Amino acid sequence: QVQLVESGGGLVQAGGSLRLSCAASGRTFSIYRVGWFRQAPGKEREFVLAISRSGGTTYLGDSVKGRFTISRDNTKMTVDLQMNSLKPEDTAVYYCAASVSLTDAQAMARGGYDYWGQGTQVTVSS
């Protein structure tokens, strides 16, 4: 089992940047695919990005292409989400999630993850 803790959220103006971090503890981190999701008030949880166990493959949601990137450090057991050119519609609670699946077929699906963090709030003002 793995425990996930997100950090780095906060308030930023439109056009600004934030870097979120997901820190893991527990089992060997390199066995997990890790994804970021977000949920705005009154909306369903939405896929943002994901990264494969080795870090060699990434998956991006359409709404963040060209603005957000994801990276991981298996030695430090962290996955970072770099968010640039932020927009007010990026405002949401951002969640880190991990999967023990051996394939990435469900990398962009909420149901494709086994463990979730508690989330960190990101607010983008206009």
Foldseek 3Di string as FASTA:
>chain_A
DKAKAKDWADEEAAQAKTKMKIAMDDDQLLLKKKFKWWDDPPDDIFGAKIAHSVRPDMDGDPVQPPFWDWGDDSVRRMIMIIGGRDDQVVWTWMKMFIANDPDCPCVRPPVRGDDIYPTDTHGYHD
